[in-house]
N, C-alpha and C. Protein backbone atom coordinates (compact mmCIF):
# COMPACT_ATOMS: atom_id res chain seq x y z
N MET A 1 0.85 -1.16 0.00
CA MET A 1 0.00 0.00 0.00
C MET A 1 0.90 1.23 0.00
N THR A 2 0.75 2.07 -1.00
CA THR A 2 1.56 3.28 -1.09
C THR A 2 0.66 4.50 -0.92
N THR A 3 1.17 5.46 -0.17
CA THR A 3 0.44 6.71 0.03
C THR A 3 1.46 7.83 0.19
N THR A 4 1.07 9.04 -0.08
CA THR A 4 1.98 10.17 0.11
C THR A 4 1.23 11.34 0.72
N SER A 5 0.94 11.27 1.99
CA SER A 5 0.32 12.39 2.68
C SER A 5 1.32 12.98 3.66
N THR A 6 1.20 14.28 3.90
CA THR A 6 2.14 14.99 4.75
C THR A 6 1.57 15.15 6.16
N THR A 7 2.41 14.88 7.17
CA THR A 7 1.99 15.04 8.55
C THR A 7 2.27 16.46 9.02
N SER A 8 1.84 16.77 10.22
CA SER A 8 2.06 18.11 10.78
C SER A 8 3.54 18.39 11.03
N GLU A 9 4.36 17.35 11.16
CA GLU A 9 5.79 17.53 11.38
C GLU A 9 6.55 17.72 10.07
N GLY A 10 5.86 17.76 8.95
CA GLY A 10 6.51 17.92 7.66
C GLY A 10 7.04 16.62 7.09
N LEU A 11 6.65 15.50 7.68
CA LEU A 11 7.06 14.20 7.16
C LEU A 11 5.98 13.67 6.24
N VAL A 12 6.40 12.85 5.29
CA VAL A 12 5.48 12.31 4.30
C VAL A 12 5.36 10.80 4.49
N ILE A 13 4.14 10.32 4.55
CA ILE A 13 3.91 8.88 4.62
C ILE A 13 4.08 8.33 3.22
N ILE A 14 5.09 7.49 3.05
CA ILE A 14 5.35 6.98 1.70
C ILE A 14 4.93 5.53 1.51
N GLN A 15 4.70 4.82 2.62
CA GLN A 15 4.34 3.42 2.50
C GLN A 15 3.63 2.97 3.77
N ALA A 16 2.73 2.03 3.66
CA ALA A 16 2.07 1.43 4.81
C ALA A 16 2.21 -0.08 4.69
N TYR A 17 2.53 -0.71 5.81
CA TYR A 17 2.79 -2.15 5.84
C TYR A 17 1.83 -2.84 6.78
N ASN A 18 1.42 -4.05 6.43
CA ASN A 18 0.50 -4.82 7.26
C ASN A 18 1.17 -5.37 8.51
N THR A 19 2.49 -5.53 8.48
CA THR A 19 3.20 -6.03 9.66
C THR A 19 4.35 -5.10 10.00
N SER A 20 4.67 -5.04 11.27
CA SER A 20 5.78 -4.19 11.70
C SER A 20 7.12 -4.73 11.20
N ILE A 21 7.20 -6.03 10.95
CA ILE A 21 8.45 -6.62 10.45
C ILE A 21 8.76 -6.09 9.06
N GLU A 22 7.77 -6.05 8.18
CA GLU A 22 7.98 -5.49 6.84
C GLU A 22 8.42 -4.04 6.92
N ALA A 23 7.78 -3.29 7.81
CA ALA A 23 8.11 -1.87 7.98
C ALA A 23 9.53 -1.69 8.49
N GLU A 24 9.95 -2.53 9.43
CA GLU A 24 11.30 -2.45 9.98
C GLU A 24 12.36 -2.75 8.92
N ILE A 25 12.07 -3.68 8.03
CA ILE A 25 13.00 -4.00 6.94
C ILE A 25 13.17 -2.79 6.02
N ALA A 26 12.06 -2.17 5.65
CA ALA A 26 12.11 -0.98 4.79
C ALA A 26 12.84 0.16 5.49
N LYS A 27 12.56 0.36 6.77
CA LYS A 27 13.22 1.41 7.55
C LYS A 27 14.72 1.17 7.59
N SER A 28 15.11 -0.06 7.80
CA SER A 28 16.53 -0.42 7.85
C SER A 28 17.23 -0.09 6.53
N LEU A 29 16.57 -0.36 5.42
CA LEU A 29 17.13 -0.04 4.11
C LEU A 29 17.35 1.46 3.96
N LEU A 30 16.35 2.24 4.33
CA LEU A 30 16.47 3.70 4.21
C LEU A 30 17.50 4.25 5.19
N ASP A 31 17.52 3.72 6.40
CA ASP A 31 18.53 4.14 7.38
C ASP A 31 19.94 3.91 6.84
N SER A 32 20.16 2.74 6.25
CA SER A 32 21.49 2.42 5.74
C SER A 32 21.89 3.29 4.56
N ALA A 33 20.90 3.86 3.88
CA ALA A 33 21.17 4.78 2.76
C ALA A 33 21.32 6.22 3.24
N GLY A 34 21.19 6.43 4.55
CA GLY A 34 21.34 7.78 5.11
C GLY A 34 20.10 8.64 5.01
N ILE A 35 18.95 8.02 4.78
CA ILE A 35 17.70 8.76 4.67
C ILE A 35 16.98 8.70 6.02
N PHE A 36 16.69 9.87 6.60
CA PHE A 36 15.95 9.90 7.86
C PHE A 36 14.55 9.36 7.62
N CYS A 37 14.14 8.44 8.48
CA CYS A 37 12.78 7.91 8.40
C CYS A 37 12.34 7.48 9.78
N THR A 38 11.05 7.35 9.93
CA THR A 38 10.48 6.92 11.19
C THR A 38 9.23 6.10 10.90
N LEU A 39 8.84 5.29 11.88
CA LEU A 39 7.64 4.48 11.75
C LEU A 39 6.55 5.04 12.65
N GLN A 40 5.33 4.87 12.21
CA GLN A 40 4.17 5.33 12.97
C GLN A 40 3.17 4.17 13.05
N GLY A 41 2.71 3.87 14.23
CA GLY A 41 1.70 2.83 14.39
C GLY A 41 2.25 1.42 14.47
N GLU A 42 3.57 1.27 14.65
CA GLU A 42 4.15 -0.07 14.66
C GLU A 42 3.67 -0.91 15.84
N TYR A 43 3.33 -0.28 16.95
CA TYR A 43 2.86 -1.04 18.11
C TYR A 43 1.41 -1.48 17.94
N LEU A 44 0.60 -0.64 17.34
CA LEU A 44 -0.79 -1.01 17.10
C LEU A 44 -0.90 -2.20 16.15
N SER A 45 -0.01 -2.26 15.17
CA SER A 45 -0.08 -3.35 14.20
C SER A 45 0.31 -4.69 14.81
N THR A 46 1.00 -4.68 15.95
CA THR A 46 1.33 -5.94 16.61
C THR A 46 0.22 -6.41 17.54
N ILE A 47 -0.64 -5.50 17.95
CA ILE A 47 -1.72 -5.84 18.89
C ILE A 47 -2.99 -6.29 18.16
N TYR A 48 -3.33 -5.60 17.07
CA TYR A 48 -4.58 -5.86 16.38
C TYR A 48 -4.37 -6.74 15.15
N ALA A 49 -5.47 -7.16 14.56
CA ALA A 49 -5.42 -8.04 13.39
C ALA A 49 -4.63 -7.41 12.25
N ILE A 50 -4.01 -8.26 11.45
CA ILE A 50 -3.21 -7.79 10.31
C ILE A 50 -4.07 -6.91 9.42
N GLY A 51 -3.56 -5.74 9.12
CA GLY A 51 -4.25 -4.80 8.24
C GLY A 51 -5.16 -3.82 8.96
N ALA A 52 -5.49 -4.08 10.22
CA ALA A 52 -6.39 -3.18 10.95
C ALA A 52 -5.74 -1.82 11.17
N PHE A 53 -4.48 -1.82 11.56
CA PHE A 53 -3.71 -0.59 11.79
C PHE A 53 -2.34 -0.76 11.13
N PRO A 54 -2.22 -0.44 9.85
CA PRO A 54 -0.93 -0.62 9.18
C PRO A 54 0.15 0.27 9.77
N THR A 55 1.37 -0.22 9.75
CA THR A 55 2.53 0.56 10.17
C THR A 55 2.93 1.46 9.02
N GLN A 56 3.06 2.75 9.28
CA GLN A 56 3.38 3.72 8.23
C GLN A 56 4.85 4.11 8.30
N LEU A 57 5.45 4.22 7.13
CA LEU A 57 6.84 4.65 7.01
C LEU A 57 6.85 6.09 6.53
N LEU A 58 7.51 6.97 7.28
CA LEU A 58 7.54 8.39 6.98
C LEU A 58 8.96 8.87 6.71
N VAL A 59 9.11 9.78 5.75
CA VAL A 59 10.39 10.40 5.44
C VAL A 59 10.18 11.90 5.27
N ARG A 60 11.29 12.63 5.24
CA ARG A 60 11.19 14.08 4.96
C ARG A 60 10.76 14.28 3.52
N LYS A 61 10.06 15.37 3.30
CA LYS A 61 9.53 15.68 1.96
C LYS A 61 10.60 15.65 0.89
N GLU A 62 11.77 16.18 1.20
CA GLU A 62 12.84 16.24 0.20
C GLU A 62 13.46 14.87 -0.11
N ASP A 63 13.14 13.85 0.71
CA ASP A 63 13.70 12.51 0.50
C ASP A 63 12.72 11.53 -0.14
N VAL A 64 11.51 11.98 -0.42
CA VAL A 64 10.47 11.08 -0.92
C VAL A 64 10.91 10.35 -2.18
N GLU A 65 11.38 11.06 -3.16
CA GLU A 65 11.73 10.44 -4.45
C GLU A 65 12.81 9.37 -4.30
N GLU A 66 13.88 9.69 -3.58
CA GLU A 66 14.98 8.74 -3.38
C GLU A 66 14.52 7.55 -2.55
N ALA A 67 13.73 7.79 -1.52
CA ALA A 67 13.24 6.71 -0.68
C ALA A 67 12.35 5.76 -1.49
N MET A 68 11.47 6.30 -2.30
CA MET A 68 10.60 5.47 -3.13
C MET A 68 11.41 4.64 -4.12
N ARG A 69 12.45 5.23 -4.68
CA ARG A 69 13.30 4.51 -5.61
C ARG A 69 13.97 3.32 -4.91
N LEU A 70 14.50 3.56 -3.71
CA LEU A 70 15.15 2.48 -2.97
C LEU A 70 14.17 1.37 -2.58
N LEU A 71 12.98 1.76 -2.19
CA LEU A 71 12.00 0.76 -1.77
C LEU A 71 11.51 -0.09 -2.93
N GLU A 72 11.55 0.45 -4.13
CA GLU A 72 11.14 -0.33 -5.30
C GLU A 72 12.09 -1.49 -5.56
N GLU A 73 13.32 -1.38 -5.06
CA GLU A 73 14.33 -2.41 -5.28
C GLU A 73 14.16 -3.63 -4.38
N ILE A 74 13.32 -3.51 -3.35
CA ILE A 74 13.16 -4.67 -2.46
C ILE A 74 11.84 -5.37 -2.70
């Protein structure tokens, strides 16, 4: 699931994952590339049914294009 909405902190949600494990893998990839990112909702996705509360991956607006390119490779 891909989305690109901006939060109040100026971060952009670029991807949503059904499990926190998938989100952590994507975050690790971006971290290793030097792209600041954070997860939102990772704890809710472990408590509730898969897909009820997806874990969202957020990056800075200026990093969206590069982050999306990197995520396409996995």
